[in-house]
Amino acid sequence: MDEITLLMLAAKLLEVCDLHKGNAIYSIIAELDRKPAQFHRIFSNTLVNHPVIIEVATDVMNNNEIKTRDLGGLRRKYEPKIASLEEKYSKIKNLDSSDVKVLKNKIYCYKRILEDIEYFLESLEEIEPFVGREVLDVKTDKAAAHLALLSHVYLISYTFPPQPFFPYSAIACQHIEFCKRVDYFDFKLMFSGEEMDKVAEFRKAILQNERAWSKEVGPDLEEDPIIRKRLEEDFGRPFNPYGMIKAMIEKSGELAPGIHYEAVQRTIRDYLANLGCKEIVHSDRERLFLVNLEKEIEETIIDML
């Protein structure tokens, strides 16, 4: 899918988790890796890079210059900080330490986010007619930001199979069964920018599809009595953001043929631990929601091709 459609879907995922849609911007910030071309859809789609992306992005977004749209002033404000980071990096770049790579990535993220800041903010204006003005009020909630960024990776697997599980696995996530049901090149063309009428039709259709965004996940779908009881207790409630994050990573793992179970589980543990979430997270309800969302997305696309 194209990045604007993914941004719109991120806003809806935030909404069903009762999170502010002003955090949707972190979905489009995944496009920071458009430069250099060799990084595109690799750097931001690798989940191990998400902590540094969100650290830098929320730092940049937490400035009054974002609210006033004084973007030239914002860039000037960060010049000394970036220069300081580059000086520090020049002194330690030859050391064999993970801190060196993190610092290098941090400098890259600051430069690219500030370079493309107009594009990120203008993208919010493009989806505002679809999802409401709340999306323009940029927020910096850490869990919501990660959820939005992760949703980009999870949903882009329809058109550009990502490799999110580095360093544990290099296997790409692919919707193989869906691709068997469509003419894949017609599908790719639909979201290439050549058929904007169809894209606009898809956006409207999926947003207005109440089945796709229903929080009423039926307990009757689950055979296990313990899980069914949890589903009954949470019926109709907003989804748990941590459960949604876990479910998206699990679903991505299911799309990676032959991936080792432990690669997915270690990625989940790392991702949630970075968010300060150490408790057991149940994702049964969120997984059922995503199964249904995928079904509605796929049926909507098939009907349009």
C-alpha atoms as a PDB file:
ATOM      1  CA  MET A   1       0.000   0.000   0.000  1.00  0.00           C
ATOM      2  CA  ASP A   2       1.043   3.604  -0.419  1.00  0.00           C
ATOM      3  CA  GLU A   3       2.331   5.534   2.597  1.00  0.00           C
ATOM      4  CA  ILE A   4      -0.687   7.870   2.836  1.00  0.00           C
ATOM      5  CA  THR A   5      -3.106   4.939   3.009  1.00  0.00           C
ATOM      6  CA  LEU A   6      -0.887   3.355   5.672  1.00  0.00           C
ATOM      7  CA  LEU A   7      -0.939   6.633   7.617  1.00  0.00           C
ATOM      8  CA  MET A   8      -4.731   6.701   7.468  1.00  0.00           C
ATOM      9  CA  LEU A   9      -4.951   3.098   8.689  1.00  0.00           C
ATOM     10  CA  ALA A  10      -2.534   3.902  11.526  1.00  0.00           C
ATOM     11  CA  ALA A  11      -4.887   6.654  12.699  1.00  0.00           C
ATOM     12  CA  LYS A  12      -7.767   4.170  12.772  1.00  0.00           C
ATOM     13  CA  LEU A  13      -5.706   1.600  14.689  1.00  0.00           C
ATOM     14  CA  LEU A  14      -4.888   4.257  17.273  1.00  0.00           C
ATOM     15  CA  GLU A  15      -8.573   5.093  17.512  1.00  0.00           C
ATOM     16  CA  VAL A  16      -9.679   1.514  18.273  1.00  0.00           C
ATOM     17  CA  CYS A  17      -7.022   1.410  21.006  1.00  0.00           C
ATOM     18  CA  ASP A  18      -8.402   4.671  22.462  1.00  0.00           C
ATOM     19  CA  LEU A  19      -5.133   6.465  21.681  1.00  0.00           C
ATOM     20  CA  HIS A  20      -4.794  10.005  20.328  1.00  0.00           C
ATOM     21  CA  LYS A  21      -4.718  10.124  16.536  1.00  0.00           C
ATOM     22  CA  GLY A  22      -2.070  12.842  16.738  1.00  0.00           C
ATOM     23  CA  ASN A  23       0.398   9.972  17.118  1.00  0.00           C
ATOM     24  CA  ALA A  24      -0.351   8.717  13.596  1.00  0.00           C
ATOM     25  CA  ILE A  25       2.535  10.802  12.217  1.00  0.00           C
ATOM     26  CA  TYR A  26       5.001   8.112  13.333  1.00  0.00           C
ATOM     27  CA  SER A  27       3.614   5.845  10.617  1.00  0.00           C
ATOM     28  CA  ILE A  28       4.671   8.223   7.848  1.00  0.00           C
ATOM     29  CA  ILE A  29       7.979   8.890   9.627  1.00  0.00           C
ATOM     30  CA  ALA A  30       8.898   5.366   8.539  1.00  0.00           C
ATOM     31  CA  GLU A  31       9.533   7.009   5.171  1.00  0.00           C
ATOM     32  CA  LEU A  32      12.607   8.780   6.598  1.00  0.00           C
ATOM     33  CA  ASP A  33      14.642   5.980   5.039  1.00  0.00           C
ATOM     34  CA  ARG A  34      13.838   7.131   1.482  1.00  0.00           C
ATOM     35  CA  LYS A  35      17.399   8.494   1.475  1.00  0.00           C
ATOM     36  CA  PRO A  36      19.734   6.928   0.691  1.00  0.00           C
ATOM     37  CA  ALA A  37      17.788   4.768  -1.755  1.00  0.00           C
ATOM     38  CA  GLN A  38      19.569   1.647  -0.503  1.00  0.00           C
ATOM     39  CA  PHE A  39      17.922   2.133   2.924  1.00  0.00           C
ATOM     40  CA  HIS A  40      14.363   2.545   1.651  1.00  0.00           C
ATOM     41  CA  ARG A  41      11.896   0.138   3.278  1.00  0.00           C
ATOM     42  CA  ILE A  42      14.783  -1.562   5.075  1.00  0.00           C
ATOM     43  CA  PHE A  43      15.980   0.717   7.869  1.00  0.00           C
ATOM     44  CA  SER A  44      12.549   1.700   9.200  1.00  0.00           C
ATOM     45  CA  ASN A  45      11.027  -1.732   8.589  1.00  0.00           C
ATOM     46  CA  THR A  46      13.613  -3.376  10.855  1.00  0.00           C
ATOM     47  CA  LEU A  47      12.024  -3.438  14.307  1.00  0.00           C
ATOM     48  CA  VAL A  48      15.320  -3.264  16.162  1.00  0.00           C
ATOM     49  CA  ASN A  49      15.668   0.283  14.781  1.00  0.00           C
ATOM     50  CA  HIS A  50      12.319   1.466  16.130  1.00  0.00           C
ATOM     51  CA  PRO A  51      13.531   2.604  19.576  1.00  0.00           C
ATOM     52  CA  VAL A  52      16.017   5.090  18.114  1.00  0.00           C
ATOM     53  CA  ILE A  53      13.529   6.245  15.446  1.00  0.00           C
ATOM     54  CA  ILE A  54      10.873   6.956  18.078  1.00  0.00           C
ATOM     55  CA  GLU A  55      13.357   8.516  20.502  1.00  0.00           C
ATOM     56  CA  VAL A  56      14.472  10.999  17.861  1.00  0.00           C
ATOM     57  CA  ALA A  57      11.040  11.544  16.294  1.00  0.00           C
ATOM     58  CA  THR A  58       9.278  12.269  19.598  1.00  0.00           C
ATOM     59  CA  ASP A  59      12.096  14.609  20.586  1.00  0.00           C
ATOM     60  CA  VAL A  60      11.649  16.574  17.359  1.00  0.00           C
ATOM     61  CA  MET A  61       7.861  16.575  17.563  1.00  0.00           C
ATOM     62  CA  ASN A  62       7.920  17.830  21.153  1.00  0.00           C
ATOM     63  CA  ASN A  63       8.796  21.375  20.087  1.00  0.00           C
ATOM     64  CA  ASN A  64       6.660  24.481  19.872  1.00  0.00           C
ATOM     65  CA  GLU A  65       8.010  24.994  16.353  1.00  0.00           C
ATOM     66  CA  ILE A  66       5.972  21.949  15.285  1.00  0.00           C
ATOM     67  CA  LYS A  67       2.762  23.575  16.511  1.00  0.00           C
ATOM     68  CA  THR A  68       3.601  26.932  14.897  1.00  0.00           C
ATOM     69  CA  ARG A  69       5.033  25.242  11.788  1.00  0.00           C
ATOM     70  CA  ASP A  70       8.254  27.266  12.112  1.00  0.00           C
ATOM     71  CA  LEU A  71      10.221  24.505  10.430  1.00  0.00           C
ATOM     72  CA  GLY A  72      13.185  26.655   9.433  1.00  0.00           C
ATOM     73  CA  GLY A  73      13.538  27.659  13.060  1.00  0.00           C
ATOM     74  CA  LEU A  74      13.220  24.015  14.086  1.00  0.00           C
ATOM     75  CA  ARG A  75      16.149  23.022  11.851  1.00  0.00           C
ATOM     76  CA  ARG A  76      18.316  25.853  13.163  1.00  0.00           C
ATOM     77  CA  LYS A  77      17.456  24.822  16.703  1.00  0.00           C
ATOM     78  CA  TYR A  78      18.839  21.324  16.136  1.00  0.00           C
ATOM     79  CA  GLU A  79      22.044  22.305  14.322  1.00  0.00           C
ATOM     80  CA  PRO A  80      24.140  22.516  17.537  1.00  0.00           C
ATOM     81  CA  LYS A  81      22.740  19.208  18.838  1.00  0.00           C
ATOM     82  CA  ILE A  82      23.501  17.346  15.621  1.00  0.00           C
ATOM     83  CA  ALA A  83      26.981  18.888  15.470  1.00  0.00           C
ATOM     84  CA  SER A  84      27.618  17.733  19.045  1.00  0.00           C
ATOM     85  CA  LEU A  85      26.449  14.192  18.239  1.00  0.00           C
ATOM     86  CA  GLU A  86      28.653  14.090  15.149  1.00  0.00           C
ATOM     87  CA  GLU A  87      31.663  15.233  17.149  1.00  0.00           C
ATOM     88  CA  LYS A  88      31.017  12.521  19.713  1.00  0.00           C
ATOM     89  CA  TYR A  89      30.629   9.931  16.967  1.00  0.00           C
ATOM     90  CA  SER A  90      33.931  10.938  15.330  1.00  0.00           C
ATOM     91  CA  LYS A  91      35.701  10.140  18.597  1.00  0.00           C
ATOM     92  CA  ILE A  92      34.201   6.689  19.144  1.00  0.00           C
ATOM     93  CA  LYS A  93      33.394   5.415  15.623  1.00  0.00           C
ATOM     94  CA  ASN A  94      36.307   2.972  15.596  1.00  0.00           C
ATOM     95  CA  LEU A  95      35.278   1.318  18.870  1.00  0.00           C
ATOM     96  CA  ASP A  96      33.685  -2.113  18.815  1.00  0.00           C
ATOM     97  CA  SER A  97      30.515  -1.184  20.680  1.00  0.00           C
ATOM     98  CA  SER A  98      26.779  -1.268  20.032  1.00  0.00           C
ATOM     99  CA  ASP A  99      26.638   2.317  21.309  1.00  0.00           C
ATOM    100  CA  VAL A 100      28.526   3.430  18.205  1.00  0.00           C
ATOM    101  CA  LYS A 101      25.850   2.054  15.886  1.00  0.00           C
ATOM    102  CA  VAL A 102      23.049   3.545  17.981  1.00  0.00           C
ATOM    103  CA  LEU A 103      24.707   6.964  17.877  1.00  0.00           C
ATOM    104  CA  LYS A 104      25.237   6.717  14.118  1.00  0.00           C
ATOM    105  CA  ASN A 105      21.572   5.797  13.629  1.00  0.00           C
ATOM    106  CA  LYS A 106      20.475   8.637  15.893  1.00  0.00           C
ATOM    107  CA  ILE A 107      22.371  11.189  13.800  1.00  0.00           C
ATOM    108  CA  TYR A 108      20.866   9.716  10.639  1.00  0.00           C
ATOM    109  CA  CYS A 109      17.335   9.937  12.063  1.00  0.00           C
ATOM    110  CA  TYR A 110      17.723  13.541  13.206  1.00  0.00           C
ATOM    111  CA  LYS A 111      19.013  14.609   9.796  1.00  0.00           C
ATOM    112  CA  ARG A 112      16.386  12.769   7.782  1.00  0.00           C
ATOM    113  CA  ILE A 113      13.385  13.692   9.951  1.00  0.00           C
ATOM    114  CA  LEU A 114      14.341  17.362   9.919  1.00  0.00           C
ATOM    115  CA  GLU A 115      15.025  17.243   6.188  1.00  0.00           C
ATOM    116  CA  ASP A 116      11.586  15.797   5.365  1.00  0.00           C
ATOM    117  CA  ILE A 117       9.565  17.408   8.167  1.00  0.00           C
ATOM    118  CA  GLU A 118       7.342  19.332   5.709  1.00  0.00           C
ATOM    119  CA  TYR A 119       6.425  16.103   3.939  1.00  0.00           C
ATOM    120  CA  PHE A 120       5.487  14.378   7.195  1.00  0.00           C
ATOM    121  CA  LEU A 121       3.266  17.231   8.361  1.00  0.00           C
ATOM    122  CA  GLU A 122       1.659  17.768   4.963  1.00  0.00           C
ATOM    123  CA  SER A 123       0.779  14.061   4.900  1.00  0.00           C
ATOM    124  CA  LEU A 124      -1.325  14.598   8.023  1.00  0.00           C
ATOM    125  CA  GLU A 125      -3.246  17.318   6.207  1.00  0.00           C
ATOM    126  CA  GLU A 126      -3.899  14.876   3.364  1.00  0.00           C
ATOM    127  CA  ILE A 127      -5.657  12.361   5.624  1.00  0.00           C
ATOM    128  CA  GLU A 128      -7.392  14.946   7.849  1.00  0.00           C
ATOM    129  CA  PRO A 129     -10.595  14.901   5.724  1.00  0.00           C
ATOM    130  CA  PHE A 130     -10.792  11.123   6.278  1.00  0.00           C
ATOM    131  CA  VAL A 131      -9.961  10.814   9.998  1.00  0.00           C
ATOM    132  CA  GLY A 132     -10.636  14.242  11.538  1.00  0.00           C
ATOM    133  CA  ARG A 133      -8.671  17.265  12.732  1.00  0.00           C
ATOM    134  CA  GLU A 134      -7.313  15.450  15.792  1.00  0.00           C
ATOM    135  CA  VAL A 135      -4.637  13.917  13.566  1.00  0.00           C
ATOM    136  CA  LEU A 136      -3.081  17.387  13.027  1.00  0.00           C
ATOM    137  CA  ASP A 137      -2.412  17.815  16.753  1.00  0.00           C
ATOM    138  CA  VAL A 138       0.915  15.968  16.893  1.00  0.00           C
ATOM    139  CA  LYS A 139       1.538  14.036  20.117  1.00  0.00           C
ATOM    140  CA  THR A 140       4.535  12.214  21.595  1.00  0.00           C
ATOM    141  CA  ASP A 141       3.076   9.230  23.457  1.00  0.00           C
ATOM    142  CA  LYS A 142       5.748   6.543  23.345  1.00  0.00           C
ATOM    143  CA  ALA A 143       3.493   3.461  23.170  1.00  0.00           C
ATOM    144  CA  ALA A 144       1.169   5.072  20.631  1.00  0.00           C
ATOM    145  CA  ALA A 145       4.135   6.210  18.529  1.00  0.00           C
ATOM    146  CA  HIS A 146       5.545   2.686  18.428  1.00  0.00           C
ATOM    147  CA  LEU A 147       2.122   1.278  17.543  1.00  0.00           C
ATOM    148  CA  ALA A 148       1.777   3.686  14.619  1.00  0.00           C
ATOM    149  CA  LEU A 149       5.290   3.004  13.323  1.00  0.00           C
ATOM    150  CA  LEU A 150       4.832  -0.754  13.700  1.00  0.00           C
ATOM    151  CA  SER A 151       1.515  -0.630  11.839  1.00  0.00           C
ATOM    152  CA  HIS A 152       3.384   0.757   8.828  1.00  0.00           C
ATOM    153  CA  VAL A 153       5.655  -2.303   8.815  1.00  0.00           C
ATOM    154  CA  TYR A 154       2.810  -4.740   9.424  1.00  0.00           C
ATOM    155  CA  LEU A 155       0.567  -3.385   6.650  1.00  0.00           C
ATOM    156  CA  ILE A 156       3.234  -2.573   4.057  1.00  0.00           C
ATOM    157  CA  SER A 157       3.748  -6.337   3.799  1.00  0.00           C
ATOM    158  CA  TYR A 158       0.942  -6.340   1.222  1.00  0.00           C
ATOM    159  CA  THR A 159       2.975  -4.392  -1.336  1.00  0.00           C
ATOM    160  CA  PHE A 160       6.617  -4.383  -0.164  1.00  0.00           C
ATOM    161  CA  PRO A 161       7.504  -7.477   1.910  1.00  0.00           C
ATOM    162  CA  PRO A 162       9.564  -6.197   4.870  1.00  0.00           C
ATOM    163  CA  GLN A 163      12.271  -8.009   6.830  1.00  0.00           C
ATOM    164  CA  PRO A 164      11.371  -6.860  10.349  1.00  0.00           C
ATOM    165  CA  PHE A 165      13.064  -9.560  12.398  1.00  0.00           C
ATOM    166  CA  PHE A 166      16.741  -8.670  11.964  1.00  0.00           C
ATOM    167  CA  PRO A 167      19.071  -9.676  13.579  1.00  0.00           C
ATOM    168  CA  TYR A 168      17.188 -12.836  14.543  1.00  0.00           C
ATOM    169  CA  SER A 169      15.951 -13.651  11.032  1.00  0.00           C
ATOM    170  CA  ALA A 170      16.236 -12.246   7.506  1.00  0.00           C
ATOM    171  CA  ILE A 171      13.012 -13.859   6.249  1.00  0.00           C
ATOM    172  CA  ALA A 172      10.568 -11.426   4.631  1.00  0.00           C
ATOM    173  CA  CYS A 173       6.872 -11.134   5.517  1.00  0.00           C
ATOM    174  CA  GLN A 174       4.588 -11.816   2.557  1.00  0.00           C
ATOM    175  CA  HIS A 175       0.842 -12.200   1.956  1.00  0.00           C
ATOM    176  CA  ILE A 176       1.350 -15.250  -0.219  1.00  0.00           C
ATOM    177  CA  GLU A 177      -2.229 -16.559  -0.118  1.00  0.00           C
ATOM    178  CA  PHE A 178      -3.675 -13.140  -0.910  1.00  0.00           C
ATOM    179  CA  CYS A 179      -1.300 -12.735  -3.856  1.00  0.00           C
ATOM    180  CA  LYS A 180      -2.560 -16.031  -5.277  1.00  0.00           C
ATOM    181  CA  ARG A 181      -6.084 -14.568  -5.350  1.00  0.00           C
ATOM    182  CA  VAL A 182      -5.250 -11.439  -7.368  1.00  0.00           C
ATOM    183  CA  ASP A 183      -3.280 -10.284 -10.362  1.00  0.00           C
ATOM    184  CA  TYR A 184      -0.349  -9.053  -8.315  1.00  0.00           C
ATOM    185  CA  PHE A 185       0.797  -6.513 -10.879  1.00  0.00           C
ATOM    186  CA  ASP A 186      -2.675  -4.986 -11.113  1.00  0.00           C
ATOM    187  CA  PHE A 187      -2.680  -4.802  -7.328  1.00  0.00           C
ATOM    188  CA  LYS A 188       0.752  -3.155  -7.232  1.00  0.00           C
ATOM    189  CA  LEU A 189      -0.313  -0.690  -9.916  1.00  0.00           C
ATOM    190  CA  MET A 190      -3.352   0.291  -7.866  1.00  0.00           C
ATOM    191  CA  PHE A 191      -1.159   1.708  -5.080  1.00  0.00           C
ATOM    192  CA  SER A 192       1.640   2.988  -7.326  1.00  0.00           C
ATOM    193  CA  GLY A 193       0.237   6.482  -7.765  1.00  0.00           C
ATOM    194  CA  GLU A 194      -1.071   5.697 -11.249  1.00  0.00           C
ATOM    195  CA  GLU A 195      -4.643   4.934 -10.149  1.00  0.00           C
ATOM    196  CA  MET A 196      -5.471   7.536  -7.513  1.00  0.00           C
ATOM    197  CA  ASP A 197      -9.216   7.221  -8.125  1.00  0.00           C
ATOM    198  CA  LYS A 198      -9.069   3.590  -7.047  1.00  0.00           C
ATOM    199  CA  VAL A 199      -6.902   4.440  -4.030  1.00  0.00           C
ATOM    200  CA  ALA A 200      -9.362   7.134  -2.937  1.00  0.00           C
ATOM    201  CA  GLU A 201     -12.195   4.639  -3.366  1.00  0.00           C
ATOM    202  CA  PHE A 202     -10.354   2.046  -1.278  1.00  0.00           C
ATOM    203  CA  ARG A 203      -9.604   4.530   1.508  1.00  0.00           C
ATOM    204  CA  LYS A 204     -13.223   5.597   1.720  1.00  0.00           C
ATOM    205  CA  ALA A 205     -14.519   2.030   1.584  1.00  0.00           C
ATOM    206  CA  ILE A 206     -12.238   0.621   4.298  1.00  0.00           C
ATOM    207  CA  LEU A 207     -12.753   3.606   6.615  1.00  0.00           C
ATOM    208  CA  GLN A 208     -16.523   3.332   6.352  1.00  0.00           C
ATOM    209  CA  ASN A 209     -16.483  -0.441   6.808  1.00  0.00           C
ATOM    210  CA  GLU A 210     -17.816  -0.883  10.340  1.00  0.00           C
ATOM    211  CA  ARG A 211     -16.957  -4.589  10.336  1.00  0.00           C
ATOM    212  CA  ALA A 212     -13.273  -3.795   9.804  1.00  0.00           C
ATOM    213  CA  TRP A 213     -13.021  -1.597  12.909  1.00  0.00           C
ATOM    214  CA  SER A 214     -15.447  -3.323  15.250  1.00  0.00           C
ATOM    215  CA  LYS A 215     -14.241  -3.797  18.826  1.00  0.00           C
ATOM    216  CA  GLU A 216     -16.905  -6.445  19.364  1.00  0.00           C
ATOM    217  CA  VAL A 217     -14.678  -9.477  18.923  1.00  0.00           C
ATOM    218  CA  GLY A 218     -16.947 -12.484  19.478  1.00  0.00           C
ATOM    219  CA  PRO A 219     -16.012 -14.913  22.278  1.00  0.00           C
ATOM    220  CA  ASP A 220     -17.652 -17.666  20.200  1.00  0.00           C
ATOM    221  CA  LEU A 221     -14.607 -17.528  17.904  1.00  0.00           C
ATOM    222  CA  GLU A 222     -12.438 -19.030  20.653  1.00  0.00           C
ATOM    223  CA  GLU A 223     -12.581 -22.634  21.890  1.00  0.00           C
ATOM    224  CA  ASP A 224     -10.290 -22.267  24.918  1.00  0.00           C
ATOM    225  CA  PRO A 225     -12.536 -21.486  27.936  1.00  0.00           C
ATOM    226  CA  ILE A 226      -9.941 -19.275  29.659  1.00  0.00           C
ATOM    227  CA  ILE A 227      -9.355 -17.153  26.563  1.00  0.00           C
ATOM    228  CA  ARG A 228     -13.094 -17.077  25.858  1.00  0.00           C
ATOM    229  CA  LYS A 229     -13.701 -15.668  29.359  1.00  0.00           C
ATOM    230  CA  ARG A 230     -11.173 -12.877  28.701  1.00  0.00           C
ATOM    231  CA  LEU A 231     -12.870 -12.082  25.407  1.00  0.00           C
ATOM    232  CA  GLU A 232     -16.257 -11.919  27.149  1.00  0.00           C
ATOM    233  CA  GLU A 233     -14.929  -9.560  29.824  1.00  0.00           C
ATOM    234  CA  ASP A 234     -13.349  -7.203  27.263  1.00  0.00           C
ATOM    235  CA  PHE A 235     -16.143  -7.370  24.684  1.00  0.00           C
ATOM    236  CA  GLY A 236     -16.593  -3.991  23.005  1.00  0.00           C
ATOM    237  CA  ARG A 237     -13.806  -2.286  24.954  1.00  0.00           C
ATOM    238  CA  PRO A 238     -10.887  -0.436  23.308  1.00  0.00           C
ATOM    239  CA  PHE A 239      -8.010  -2.736  22.455  1.00  0.00           C
ATOM    240  CA  ASN A 240      -4.913  -2.929  24.635  1.00  0.00           C
ATOM    241  CA  PRO A 241      -2.082  -1.016  22.860  1.00  0.00           C
ATOM    242  CA  TYR A 242       0.519  -3.524  24.076  1.00  0.00           C
ATOM    243  CA  GLY A 243      -1.707  -6.390  22.971  1.00  0.00           C
ATOM    244  CA  MET A 244      -2.075  -4.754  19.554  1.00  0.00           C
ATOM    245  CA  ILE A 245       1.703  -4.328  19.259  1.00  0.00           C
ATOM    246  CA  LYS A 246       2.267  -7.954  20.209  1.00  0.00           C
ATOM    247  CA  ALA A 247      -0.445  -9.129  17.809  1.00  0.00           C
ATOM    248  CA  MET A 248       1.015  -7.179  14.873  1.00  0.00           C
ATOM    249  CA  ILE A 249       4.436  -8.720  15.449  1.00  0.00           C
ATOM    250  CA  GLU A 250       2.894 -12.190  15.802  1.00  0.00           C
ATOM    251  CA  LYS A 251       0.907 -11.718  12.603  1.00  0.00           C
ATOM    252  CA  SER A 252       4.052 -10.519  10.820  1.00  0.00           C
ATOM    253  CA  GLY A 253       5.770 -13.697  11.973  1.00  0.00           C
ATOM    254  CA  GLU A 254       2.963 -15.782  10.487  1.00  0.00           C
ATOM    255  CA  LEU A 255       3.631 -14.056   7.148  1.00  0.00           C
ATOM    256  CA  ALA A 256       7.314 -15.059   7.219  1.00  0.00           C
ATOM    257  CA  PRO A 257       7.455 -18.633   5.864  1.00  0.00           C
ATOM    258  CA  GLY A 258       9.887 -20.838   7.756  1.00  0.00           C
ATOM    259  CA  ILE A 259      10.798 -18.298  10.409  1.00  0.00           C
ATOM    260  CA  HIS A 260      11.901 -19.753  13.741  1.00  0.00           C
ATOM    261  CA  TYR A 261       9.388 -19.316  16.571  1.00  0.00           C
ATOM    262  CA  GLU A 262      12.051 -17.919  18.886  1.00  0.00           C
ATOM    263  CA  ALA A 263      12.950 -15.144  16.418  1.00  0.00           C
ATOM    264  CA  VAL A 264       9.409 -13.800  16.662  1.00  0.00           C
ATOM    265  CA  GLN A 265       9.185 -14.217  20.431  1.00  0.00           C
ATOM    266  CA  ARG A 266      12.523 -12.523  21.094  1.00  0.00           C
ATOM    267  CA  THR A 267      11.462  -9.628  18.897  1.00  0.00           C
ATOM    268  CA  ILE A 268       8.231  -9.271  20.882  1.00  0.00           C
ATOM    269  CA  ARG A 269      10.070  -9.373  24.207  1.00  0.00           C
ATOM    270  CA  ASP A 270      12.615  -6.792  23.059  1.00  0.00           C
ATOM    271  CA  TYR A 271       9.939  -4.503  21.631  1.00  0.00           C
ATOM    272  CA  LEU A 272       7.727  -4.539  24.717  1.00  0.00           C
ATOM    273  CA  ALA A 273      10.673  -4.302  27.126  1.00  0.00           C
ATOM    274  CA  ASN A 274      11.810  -1.134  25.356  1.00  0.00           C
ATOM    275  CA  LEU A 275       8.363   0.284  26.152  1.00  0.00           C
ATOM    276  CA  GLY A 276       8.814  -0.620  29.806  1.00  0.00           C
ATOM    277  CA  CYS A 277       6.236  -3.394  29.567  1.00  0.00           C
ATOM    278  CA  LYS A 278       7.499  -6.375  31.562  1.00  0.00           C
ATOM    279  CA  GLU A 279       4.216  -8.071  32.467  1.00  0.00           C
ATOM    280  CA  ILE A 280       2.507 -10.851  30.520  1.00  0.00           C
ATOM    281  CA  VAL A 281       0.549  -9.382  27.604  1.00  0.00           C
ATOM    282  CA  HIS A 282      -2.421 -11.279  26.183  1.00  0.00           C
ATOM    283  CA  SER A 283      -3.054 -10.602  22.495  1.00  0.00           C
ATOM    284  CA  ASP A 284      -5.837 -13.070  21.664  1.00  0.00           C
ATOM    285  CA  ARG A 285      -8.483 -10.387  21.167  1.00  0.00           C
ATOM    286  CA  GLU A 286      -6.191  -8.138  19.163  1.00  0.00           C
ATOM    287  CA  ARG A 287      -5.113 -11.047  16.936  1.00  0.00           C
ATOM    288  CA  LEU A 288      -8.738 -11.852  16.121  1.00  0.00           C
ATOM    289  CA  PHE A 289      -9.309  -8.180  15.309  1.00  0.00           C
ATOM    290  CA  LEU A 290      -6.331  -8.147  12.925  1.00  0.00           C
ATOM    291  CA  VAL A 291      -7.453 -11.381  11.246  1.00  0.00           C
ATOM    292  CA  ASN A 292     -10.784  -9.717  10.520  1.00  0.00           C
ATOM    293  CA  LEU A 293      -9.149  -6.434   9.434  1.00  0.00           C
ATOM    294  CA  GLU A 294      -6.960  -8.293   6.933  1.00  0.00           C
ATOM    295  CA  LYS A 295     -10.031 -10.111   5.610  1.00  0.00           C
ATOM    296  CA  GLU A 296     -11.914  -6.836   5.084  1.00  0.00           C
ATOM    297  CA  ILE A 297      -8.892  -5.147   3.474  1.00  0.00           C
ATOM    298  CA  GLU A 298      -8.382  -8.060   1.096  1.00  0.00           C
ATOM    299  CA  GLU A 299     -12.043  -8.398   0.123  1.00  0.00           C
ATOM    300  CA  THR A 300     -12.247  -4.644  -0.503  1.00  0.00           C
ATOM    301  CA  ILE A 301      -9.183  -4.752  -2.780  1.00  0.00           C
ATOM    302  CA  ILE A 302     -10.381  -7.854  -4.652  1.00  0.00           C
ATOM    303  CA  ASP A 303     -13.743  -6.230  -5.336  1.00  0.00           C
ATOM    304  CA  MET A 304     -11.954  -3.224  -6.874  1.00  0.00           C
ATOM    305  CA  LEU A 305      -9.478  -5.069  -9.123  1.00  0.00           C
END
